[in-house]
N, C-alpha and C. Protein backbone atom coordinates (compact mmCIF):
# COMPACT_ATOMS: atom_id res chain seq x y z
N UNK A 1 0.80 -1.43 0.00
CA UNK A 1 0.04 0.26 0.07
C UNK A 1 1.29 1.49 -0.48
N UNK A 2 0.63 2.24 -0.80
CA UNK A 2 1.26 3.27 -0.85
C UNK A 2 0.24 4.33 -0.03
N UNK A 3 0.71 5.64 -0.68
CA UNK A 3 -0.55 7.03 0.17
C UNK A 3 -1.64 6.93 -1.22
N UNK A 4 -2.59 6.68 -0.05
CA UNK A 4 -4.17 6.61 -1.32
C UNK A 4 -4.74 8.02 -0.65
N UNK A 5 -5.95 8.63 -1.62
CA UNK A 5 -6.61 9.67 -1.16
C UNK A 5 -7.43 8.71 -0.20
N UNK A 6 -8.37 9.24 0.67
CA UNK A 6 -9.61 8.69 1.75
C UNK A 6 -10.40 9.80 2.20
N UNK A 7 -11.00 9.21 2.98
CA UNK A 7 -11.99 10.25 3.85
C UNK A 7 -11.30 10.75 4.92
N UNK A 8 -11.97 11.85 5.48
CA UNK A 8 -11.53 12.02 6.86
C UNK A 8 -11.89 11.52 7.51
N UNK A 9 -11.19 10.60 8.69
CA UNK A 9 -11.87 9.66 9.85
C UNK A 9 -12.86 10.40 10.46
N UNK A 10 -14.39 9.47 10.35
CA UNK A 10 -14.84 10.14 11.06
C UNK A 10 -15.00 10.52 12.68
N UNK A 11 -14.02 9.80 12.84
CA UNK A 11 -14.23 9.56 14.89
C UNK A 11 -13.30 10.58 14.92
N UNK A 12 -12.41 11.48 13.89
CA UNK A 12 -11.33 12.55 14.25
C UNK A 12 -11.81 13.36 15.55
N UNK A 13 -11.01 14.16 15.88
CA UNK A 13 -10.86 15.35 17.15
C UNK A 13 -11.45 16.30 16.21
N UNK A 14 -11.28 16.13 15.03
CA UNK A 14 -12.06 17.33 14.12
C UNK A 14 -13.26 17.73 14.31
N UNK A 15 -14.08 16.27 14.52
CA UNK A 15 -15.65 16.61 15.11
C UNK A 15 -16.58 16.65 13.42
N UNK A 16 -17.25 15.99 13.54
CA UNK A 16 -18.53 15.94 12.26
C UNK A 16 -18.77 17.18 11.93
N UNK A 17 -19.13 17.84 12.97
CA UNK A 17 -19.82 19.51 12.37
C UNK A 17 -18.93 20.26 11.67
N UNK A 18 -17.35 20.24 12.21
CA UNK A 18 -16.27 20.96 11.33
C UNK A 18 -15.78 20.16 10.00
N UNK A 19 -15.94 19.18 10.32
CA UNK A 19 -15.74 18.31 8.86
C UNK A 19 -16.94 18.45 7.87
N UNK A 20 -18.08 18.35 8.14
CA UNK A 20 -19.44 18.63 7.10
C UNK A 20 -19.37 20.09 6.34
N UNK A 21 -19.06 21.32 7.31
CA UNK A 21 -19.02 22.49 7.20
C UNK A 21 -17.91 23.14 6.72
N UNK A 22 -16.60 22.51 6.46
CA UNK A 22 -15.31 22.61 5.78
C UNK A 22 -15.68 23.13 4.48
N UNK A 23 -15.20 24.12 3.78
CA UNK A 23 -15.05 24.29 2.28
C UNK A 23 -14.50 23.72 1.73
N UNK A 24 -12.94 23.19 1.87
CA UNK A 24 -12.40 22.04 1.89
C UNK A 24 -12.05 21.18 2.95
N UNK A 25 -11.95 19.65 2.45
CA UNK A 25 -10.91 19.01 2.63
C UNK A 25 -10.70 17.62 2.03
N UNK A 26 -9.64 17.18 2.69
CA UNK A 26 -8.78 16.25 2.16
C UNK A 26 -8.28 15.09 3.23
N UNK A 27 -7.69 14.05 2.44
CA UNK A 27 -7.05 13.20 3.81
C UNK A 27 -6.57 11.99 2.60
N UNK A 28 -4.94 11.81 3.24
CA UNK A 28 -4.73 10.66 2.49
C UNK A 28 -4.13 9.64 3.76
N UNK A 29 -3.78 8.65 3.34
CA UNK A 29 -3.72 7.11 4.34
C UNK A 29 -2.43 6.91 3.76
N UNK A 30 -1.47 6.38 4.78
CA UNK A 30 -0.90 5.72 4.39
C UNK A 30 -0.47 4.24 5.43
N UNK A 31 0.17 3.45 4.93
CA UNK A 31 0.74 2.52 5.87
C UNK A 31 1.99 2.78 6.89
N UNK A 32 1.46 1.91 8.36
CA UNK A 32 2.09 3.02 9.13
C UNK A 32 2.77 1.33 9.57
N UNK A 33 4.28 1.53 8.91
CA UNK A 33 5.64 0.21 9.32
C UNK A 33 5.82 0.26 10.52
N UNK A 34 5.73 1.53 11.49
CA UNK A 34 6.18 1.56 13.15
C UNK A 34 5.30 1.84 13.68
N UNK A 35 3.97 1.18 13.96
CA UNK A 35 2.91 1.18 15.13
C UNK A 35 3.17 1.70 16.00
N UNK A 36 4.14 1.66 16.59
CA UNK A 36 4.75 2.00 18.34
C UNK A 36 4.88 3.41 17.90
N UNK A 37 5.06 4.20 17.01
CA UNK A 37 5.34 5.62 16.79
C UNK A 37 4.36 6.24 17.17
N UNK A 38 4.75 7.42 17.88
CA UNK A 38 3.32 8.34 18.46
C UNK A 38 2.91 9.65 17.45
N UNK A 39 1.71 10.08 17.36
CA UNK A 39 1.53 11.19 16.61
C UNK A 39 2.63 12.26 16.25
N UNK A 40 3.04 12.52 17.20
CA UNK A 40 4.34 13.89 17.16
C UNK A 40 5.44 13.22 16.77
N UNK A 41 5.76 12.13 16.61
CA UNK A 41 7.01 11.61 15.79
C UNK A 41 6.28 11.12 14.46
N UNK A 42 5.06 11.22 14.41
CA UNK A 42 4.55 10.83 12.89
C UNK A 42 4.50 12.18 12.26
N UNK A 43 4.19 13.23 13.01
CA UNK A 43 4.01 14.43 12.54
C UNK A 43 5.47 14.99 11.65
N UNK A 44 6.82 14.75 12.80
CA UNK A 44 7.97 15.17 12.02
C UNK A 44 8.53 14.49 11.36
N UNK A 45 8.17 12.90 11.06
CA UNK A 45 8.39 12.34 10.12
C UNK A 45 7.69 12.55 8.51
N UNK A 46 6.46 13.55 8.57
CA UNK A 46 6.16 13.53 7.63
C UNK A 46 6.78 15.43 7.38
N UNK A 47 6.47 15.79 8.20
CA UNK A 47 6.79 17.74 7.81
C UNK A 47 8.15 18.05 7.99
N UNK A 48 9.06 17.28 8.67
CA UNK A 48 10.61 18.13 9.16
C UNK A 48 11.54 17.51 7.96
N UNK A 49 10.64 17.08 6.81
CA UNK A 49 11.68 16.42 5.78
C UNK A 49 11.64 16.98 4.70
N UNK A 50 11.19 18.15 4.18
CA UNK A 50 10.63 18.99 3.51
C UNK A 50 12.03 19.07 2.41
N UNK A 51 11.60 18.83 0.98
CA UNK A 51 12.91 19.54 0.19
C UNK A 51 12.92 20.90 0.22
N UNK A 52 13.86 21.36 -0.52
CA UNK A 52 14.39 22.67 -0.32
C UNK A 52 12.85 23.46 -1.07
N UNK A 53 13.06 22.92 -2.42
CA UNK A 53 12.13 23.60 -3.10
C UNK A 53 11.00 24.03 -2.21
N UNK A 54 10.45 23.10 -1.45
CA UNK A 54 8.73 23.19 -1.09
C UNK A 54 9.12 23.94 -0.03
N UNK A 55 10.40 24.31 0.82
CA UNK A 55 10.47 25.18 1.94
C UNK A 55 10.48 26.64 1.15
N UNK A 56 11.31 26.58 0.13
CA UNK A 56 11.23 28.28 -0.64
C UNK A 56 9.73 29.03 -1.23
N UNK A 57 8.98 27.26 -1.84
CA UNK A 57 7.60 28.21 -2.00
C UNK A 57 7.03 28.87 -0.47
N UNK A 58 7.18 27.64 0.45
CA UNK A 58 6.44 28.21 1.47
C UNK A 58 7.03 29.73 1.90
N UNK A 59 8.39 29.68 2.01
CA UNK A 59 8.68 31.27 2.57
C UNK A 59 8.28 31.97 1.73
N UNK A 60 8.16 32.29 0.64
CA UNK A 60 7.26 33.24 -0.48
C UNK A 60 5.89 33.01 -0.21
N UNK A 61 5.37 31.97 -0.11
CA UNK A 61 3.77 32.69 0.36
C UNK A 61 3.49 33.27 1.59
N UNK A 62 4.72 32.76 2.55
CA UNK A 62 4.56 33.60 3.77
C UNK A 62 4.65 34.88 3.74
N UNK A 63 5.97 35.16 2.85
CA UNK A 63 5.96 36.99 2.89
C UNK A 63 5.09 37.51 2.21
N UNK A 64 4.32 37.05 0.97
CA UNK A 64 2.87 37.86 0.26
C UNK A 64 1.92 37.64 1.53
N UNK A 65 1.74 36.75 1.91
CA UNK A 65 0.46 36.59 3.18
C UNK A 65 0.79 37.79 4.22
N UNK A 66 1.87 37.72 4.24
CA UNK A 66 2.28 38.61 5.59
C UNK A 66 2.09 40.11 5.35
N UNK A 67 2.43 40.47 4.02
CA UNK A 67 1.90 41.86 3.55
C UNK A 67 0.67 41.94 3.55
N UNK A 68 -0.37 41.40 3.47
CA UNK A 68 -1.64 41.19 3.45
C UNK A 68 -2.48 41.30 4.76
N UNK A 69 -1.48 40.86 5.77
CA UNK A 69 -1.64 41.46 7.23
C UNK A 69 -2.04 39.92 7.66
N UNK A 70 -1.88 38.53 7.17
CA UNK A 70 -2.41 37.56 7.67
C UNK A 70 -1.38 37.10 8.68
N UNK A 71 -1.22 36.28 9.93
CA UNK A 71 -0.57 35.68 10.58
C UNK A 71 0.43 34.47 10.03
N UNK A 72 1.66 34.52 9.70
CA UNK A 72 2.20 33.69 9.28
C UNK A 72 3.35 33.16 9.88
N UNK A 73 3.76 31.69 10.19
CA UNK A 73 5.23 31.35 10.36
C UNK A 73 6.09 32.12 9.73
N UNK A 74 7.19 32.26 10.95
CA UNK A 74 8.24 32.70 10.27
C UNK A 74 9.33 31.98 9.40
N UNK A 75 10.29 32.46 9.41
CA UNK A 75 11.15 31.71 8.16
C UNK A 75 11.87 30.62 8.59
N UNK A 76 12.02 30.88 9.82
CA UNK A 76 12.96 30.13 10.85
C UNK A 76 11.90 28.98 11.19
N UNK A 77 10.86 29.08 11.62
CA UNK A 77 9.95 28.03 11.84
C UNK A 77 9.74 26.96 10.50
N UNK A 78 10.11 27.73 8.98
CA UNK A 78 9.47 26.74 7.70
C UNK A 78 10.90 26.13 8.04
N UNK A 79 12.59 26.75 7.91
CA UNK A 79 13.57 25.87 7.64
C UNK A 79 14.03 25.45 8.84
N UNK A 80 13.74 25.47 9.88
CA UNK A 80 14.62 24.44 11.09
C UNK A 80 13.09 23.92 12.01
N UNK A 81 12.58 22.87 11.46
CA UNK A 81 11.34 23.02 12.70
C UNK A 81 11.83 22.52 13.79
N UNK A 82 11.60 23.10 15.52
CA UNK A 82 12.02 22.81 16.53
C UNK A 82 11.74 21.73 16.85
N UNK A 83 11.75 20.51 17.80
CA UNK A 83 11.53 19.41 18.34
C UNK A 83 11.32 19.66 19.68
N UNK A 84 10.81 19.49 20.34
CA UNK A 84 10.36 18.90 22.26
C UNK A 84 10.59 17.47 22.61
N UNK A 85 10.50 17.67 23.75
CA UNK A 85 10.77 16.14 24.18
C UNK A 85 9.07 16.14 24.51
N UNK A 86 8.16 17.47 24.88
CA UNK A 86 7.30 16.89 25.32
C UNK A 86 6.20 18.24 24.38
N UNK A 87 5.05 17.98 24.08
CA UNK A 87 3.87 18.95 23.58
C UNK A 87 2.90 18.82 24.26
N UNK A 88 1.88 20.16 24.33
CA UNK A 88 0.69 20.25 24.97
C UNK A 88 0.06 21.36 24.14
N UNK A 89 -1.25 21.09 24.29
CA UNK A 89 -2.26 22.04 23.40
C UNK A 89 -1.97 23.38 23.96
N UNK A 90 -2.13 24.32 22.85
CA UNK A 90 -1.78 25.39 22.96
C UNK A 90 -0.40 26.02 22.28
N UNK A 91 0.52 24.87 22.18
CA UNK A 91 2.00 25.18 21.76
C UNK A 91 1.84 25.08 20.12
N UNK A 92 3.35 25.21 19.97
CA UNK A 92 3.29 25.08 18.42
C UNK A 92 4.28 24.03 18.26
N UNK A 93 3.88 23.04 16.88
CA UNK A 93 4.32 22.21 16.46
C UNK A 93 4.43 22.47 15.50
N UNK A 94 5.76 22.38 14.63
CA UNK A 94 6.23 23.04 13.73
C UNK A 94 5.93 24.38 13.25
N UNK A 95 5.24 25.30 12.84
CA UNK A 95 4.34 26.54 12.61
C UNK A 95 3.48 26.37 12.71
N UNK A 96 2.31 25.47 13.55
CA UNK A 96 0.99 25.59 13.93
C UNK A 96 1.24 25.44 14.95
N UNK A 97 0.30 25.76 15.75
CA UNK A 97 -0.29 25.76 16.97
C UNK A 97 -1.09 24.48 16.96
N UNK A 98 -1.06 23.35 18.63
CA UNK A 98 -1.67 22.05 18.61
C UNK A 98 -2.87 22.82 19.53
N UNK A 99 -3.84 22.21 18.48
CA UNK A 99 -5.67 22.78 19.34
C UNK A 99 -6.00 21.17 19.93
N UNK A 100 -5.00 20.05 19.54
CA UNK A 100 -6.05 18.67 20.17
C UNK A 100 -4.91 18.00 19.89
N UNK A 101 -4.71 16.89 21.24
CA UNK A 101 -3.22 16.07 21.47
C UNK A 101 -3.90 14.71 22.12
N UNK A 102 -4.05 13.87 21.53
CA UNK A 102 -4.55 12.48 22.06
C UNK A 102 -3.39 11.64 21.81
N UNK A 103 -3.58 10.47 22.06
CA UNK A 103 -2.61 9.28 21.99
C UNK A 103 -2.77 8.81 20.90
N UNK A 104 -3.54 8.76 19.70
CA UNK A 104 -3.85 8.56 18.34
C UNK A 104 -4.47 9.68 17.42
N UNK A 105 -3.76 11.03 17.61
CA UNK A 105 -4.31 12.00 16.69
C UNK A 105 -3.62 13.30 17.61
N UNK A 106 -3.14 14.18 16.70
CA UNK A 106 -2.57 15.29 16.88
C UNK A 106 -3.09 16.45 15.52
N UNK A 107 -3.89 17.39 16.47
CA UNK A 107 -4.64 18.51 15.33
C UNK A 107 -4.29 19.23 15.88
N UNK A 108 -3.64 20.36 14.71
CA UNK A 108 -2.99 21.84 14.99
C UNK A 108 -3.29 22.52 13.63
N UNK A 109 -3.48 24.08 13.78
CA UNK A 109 -4.11 24.38 12.90
C UNK A 109 -4.23 26.24 13.25
N UNK A 110 -4.65 26.98 12.24
CA UNK A 110 -4.38 28.66 12.36
C UNK A 110 -5.61 28.64 12.19
N UNK A 111 -5.93 30.22 12.34
CA UNK A 111 -6.99 30.70 12.56
C UNK A 111 -6.84 32.50 11.86
N UNK A 112 -7.02 32.71 10.92
CA UNK A 112 -6.80 33.75 10.08
C UNK A 112 -8.06 34.45 10.00
N UNK A 113 -7.76 36.00 9.15
CA UNK A 113 -8.78 36.29 8.68
C UNK A 113 -9.63 36.22 7.55
N UNK A 114 -9.05 35.50 6.90
CA UNK A 114 -9.37 35.00 5.39
C UNK A 114 -9.98 33.27 5.71
N UNK A 115 -9.49 32.71 6.66
CA UNK A 115 -9.43 31.25 6.61
C UNK A 115 -9.05 30.42 7.74
N UNK A 116 -9.72 29.68 8.14
CA UNK A 116 -9.39 28.67 9.32
C UNK A 116 -8.68 27.32 8.36
N UNK A 117 -7.82 27.22 9.58
CA UNK A 117 -7.23 25.65 8.78
C UNK A 117 -6.83 24.94 9.95
N UNK A 118 -7.10 23.68 9.54
CA UNK A 118 -6.77 22.37 10.41
C UNK A 118 -6.22 21.11 9.80
N UNK A 119 -5.04 20.71 10.62
CA UNK A 119 -4.30 19.45 9.87
C UNK A 119 -4.37 18.55 11.08
N UNK A 120 -4.87 17.36 10.75
CA UNK A 120 -5.03 16.15 11.66
C UNK A 120 -4.11 14.86 10.82
N UNK A 121 -3.47 14.73 12.45
CA UNK A 121 -2.54 13.31 11.80
C UNK A 121 -3.00 12.25 12.76
N UNK A 122 -3.38 10.82 12.11
CA UNK A 122 -4.54 10.06 13.55
C UNK A 122 -3.89 8.92 12.71
N UNK A 123 -3.63 8.32 14.08
CA UNK A 123 -3.20 6.93 13.48
C UNK A 123 -4.55 6.15 13.76
N UNK A 124 -4.62 5.08 12.53
CA UNK A 124 -5.82 4.23 12.62
C UNK A 124 -5.35 3.08 12.63
N UNK A 125 -6.19 2.22 12.83
CA UNK A 125 -6.06 0.15 13.18
C UNK A 125 -7.33 -0.14 12.40
N UNK A 126 -7.61 -0.74 11.49
CA UNK A 126 -8.76 -1.26 11.30
C UNK A 126 -8.07 -2.39 10.41
N UNK A 127 -8.70 -2.98 9.31
CA UNK A 127 -8.64 -4.22 8.72
C UNK A 127 -7.71 -4.06 7.34
N UNK A 128 -6.90 -2.95 7.38
CA UNK A 128 -5.84 -2.61 6.18
C UNK A 128 -4.66 -2.89 7.42
N UNK A 129 -4.94 -3.18 8.37
CA UNK A 129 -3.32 -2.73 9.29
C UNK A 129 -3.86 -0.97 9.92
N UNK A 130 -2.15 -1.00 10.21
CA UNK A 130 -2.27 -0.24 11.37
C UNK A 130 -1.89 1.09 9.95
N UNK A 131 -2.30 2.29 9.70
CA UNK A 131 -1.79 2.99 9.14
C UNK A 131 -1.91 4.33 9.94
N UNK A 132 -1.57 5.44 9.16
CA UNK A 132 -1.85 6.82 9.43
C UNK A 132 -2.79 7.83 8.00
N UNK A 133 -3.67 8.89 8.74
CA UNK A 133 -4.28 9.13 7.91
C UNK A 133 -3.95 11.12 8.36
N UNK A 134 -3.74 11.71 7.43
CA UNK A 134 -3.29 12.55 7.34
C UNK A 134 -4.69 13.74 6.76
N UNK A 135 -5.33 14.56 7.56
CA UNK A 135 -6.29 15.48 6.82
C UNK A 135 -6.14 16.40 7.18
N UNK A 136 -6.66 17.22 6.31
CA UNK A 136 -6.38 18.76 5.72
C UNK A 136 -8.13 19.35 6.01
N UNK A 137 -8.75 20.26 6.59
CA UNK A 137 -9.95 20.99 6.59
C UNK A 137 -9.46 22.82 6.74
N UNK A 138 -10.08 23.29 5.65
CA UNK A 138 -10.62 24.85 5.65
C UNK A 138 -11.60 25.40 5.45
N UNK A 139 -11.67 26.58 6.18
CA UNK A 139 -12.95 27.06 6.57
C UNK A 139 -12.87 28.71 5.64
N UNK A 140 -13.48 28.94 4.50
CA UNK A 140 -13.32 30.10 4.00
C UNK A 140 -13.90 31.39 4.90
N UNK A 141 -13.25 32.32 4.94
CA UNK A 141 -14.36 33.48 5.78
C UNK A 141 -14.70 34.65 4.75
N UNK A 142 -13.83 34.89 3.39
CA UNK A 142 -14.65 35.71 2.57
C UNK A 142 -13.88 35.54 1.50
N UNK A 143 -13.90 36.50 0.32
CA UNK A 143 -13.62 36.24 -0.88
C UNK A 143 -11.59 36.15 -1.06
N UNK A 144 -11.21 36.78 -0.45
CA UNK A 144 -9.86 36.79 -0.41
C UNK A 144 -9.60 35.20 0.06
N UNK A 145 -9.90 34.43 1.00
CA UNK A 145 -10.14 33.32 1.44
C UNK A 145 -10.62 32.34 0.07
N UNK A 146 -11.36 32.37 -0.47
CA UNK A 146 -11.78 31.76 -1.61
C UNK A 146 -10.50 31.68 -2.81
N UNK A 147 -10.39 32.57 -3.04
CA UNK A 147 -9.06 32.83 -4.08
C UNK A 147 -7.90 32.51 -3.36
N UNK A 148 -7.56 32.33 -2.54
CA UNK A 148 -6.13 31.57 -1.88
C UNK A 148 -6.41 30.39 -1.67
N UNK A 149 -7.48 29.78 -1.54
CA UNK A 149 -7.92 28.19 -1.06
C UNK A 149 -7.72 27.78 -2.60
N UNK A 150 -8.42 28.76 -3.81
CA UNK A 150 -8.25 27.62 -4.84
C UNK A 150 -6.85 27.84 -5.65
N UNK A 151 -6.26 28.77 -5.16
CA UNK A 151 -4.74 28.93 -5.81
C UNK A 151 -4.01 28.09 -5.29
N UNK A 152 -4.11 27.69 -3.68
CA UNK A 152 -2.80 26.92 -3.13
C UNK A 152 -3.24 25.33 -3.10
N UNK A 153 -4.84 24.86 -3.50
CA UNK A 153 -5.18 23.83 -3.36
C UNK A 153 -4.55 22.30 -4.10
N UNK A 154 -4.13 23.18 -5.54
CA UNK A 154 -3.09 22.21 -6.28
C UNK A 154 -1.60 21.82 -5.79
N UNK A 155 -0.94 22.67 -5.42
CA UNK A 155 0.04 22.83 -4.33
C UNK A 155 0.17 21.58 -3.26
N UNK A 156 -0.61 22.14 -2.60
CA UNK A 156 -1.06 21.34 -1.12
C UNK A 156 -1.53 20.21 -1.41
N UNK A 157 -1.96 19.62 -2.17
CA UNK A 157 -2.27 18.33 -2.59
C UNK A 157 -1.38 17.58 -3.15
N UNK A 158 -0.39 17.97 -4.09
CA UNK A 158 0.78 17.38 -4.71
C UNK A 158 2.13 17.70 -3.45
N UNK A 159 1.97 18.19 -3.14
CA UNK A 159 2.88 18.78 -1.70
C UNK A 159 2.96 17.46 -0.44
N UNK A 160 1.55 17.28 -0.28
CA UNK A 160 1.22 16.66 0.89
C UNK A 160 1.33 14.84 0.47
N UNK A 161 1.15 14.75 -0.72
CA UNK A 161 1.20 13.32 -1.34
C UNK A 161 2.68 13.09 -1.26
N UNK A 162 3.64 14.19 -1.85
CA UNK A 162 4.52 13.88 -1.83
C UNK A 162 5.56 13.74 -0.13
N UNK A 163 4.96 14.42 0.49
CA UNK A 163 5.84 14.68 1.82
C UNK A 163 5.77 13.26 2.20
N UNK A 164 4.65 12.83 2.34
CA UNK A 164 3.70 11.13 3.06
C UNK A 164 4.84 10.18 1.72
N UNK A 165 4.70 10.12 0.69
CA UNK A 165 5.47 9.48 0.16
C UNK A 165 6.87 9.14 0.34
N UNK A 166 7.53 10.49 0.49
CA UNK A 166 8.81 10.21 1.06
C UNK A 166 9.23 9.50 2.45
N UNK A 167 8.30 9.90 3.68
CA UNK A 167 8.79 9.39 4.75
C UNK A 167 8.37 7.89 4.71
N UNK A 168 7.17 7.32 3.97
CA UNK A 168 7.17 6.16 3.61
C UNK A 168 8.20 5.15 3.23
N UNK A 169 8.83 5.93 2.17
CA UNK A 169 10.08 5.28 1.40
C UNK A 169 11.40 5.50 2.11
N UNK A 170 11.51 6.18 2.96
CA UNK A 170 12.51 6.69 3.89
C UNK A 170 12.44 5.70 5.19
N UNK A 171 11.00 4.97 5.36
CA UNK A 171 10.87 4.16 6.33
C UNK A 171 10.82 5.32 7.54
N UNK A 172 10.58 6.01 7.70
CA UNK A 172 10.29 7.06 8.72
C UNK A 172 8.37 7.01 9.36
N UNK A 173 8.11 6.09 8.40
CA UNK A 173 6.50 5.77 9.12
C UNK A 173 6.37 4.13 9.27
C-alpha cells in the first residue's frame, strides 16, 4: 500500500460538524510500518523533511500573506522545525499551534481573517492494518480566502502526498 486518498476519519477529533461545514477537506492514508510511533513522531517523520523547493515556496507564500496582514509562520519556523521532548495543547508544533493532542491523534492549525485551517495526523487501526491518515480542513471567511484556497489547493495536494510518500519510502512511518 502506498499513499492513497481517503475520507477524513469520522472519529477524528476534528468533529463531525467541522468536517461537514469545511469549504475544503482532503485526507491521505499511508501504511504505518512503525505502529509504535506516536503522533508527534509521525508529524516530524512527515513534515520535518521537506525538500528545499518546498521550503522556498512556503517562505515566498508567507511573505506575500504577511504583506496582506495575515499571521504566518516565520522563515526560521519553516527552515528549522524545533522538536521538543513533550507537547501540550496551545504550543506550536512546527509552524502551527496544537489544538488537540491525544494518544492517536494530533490536530494543529491556525485561524486567520481569510480562512481557518486544521491539520490532523491520526493513527488508524482497522482491517487494512495500522496506518496514518493526514487530513486537512479549511473554512473560508471571505473572497480573499476563496481565492487563496483555490490557488493553493493544487500545491497542497501534490506537496502533502509527496511528503507522505517520501516518509514512507525512507522508512520513517
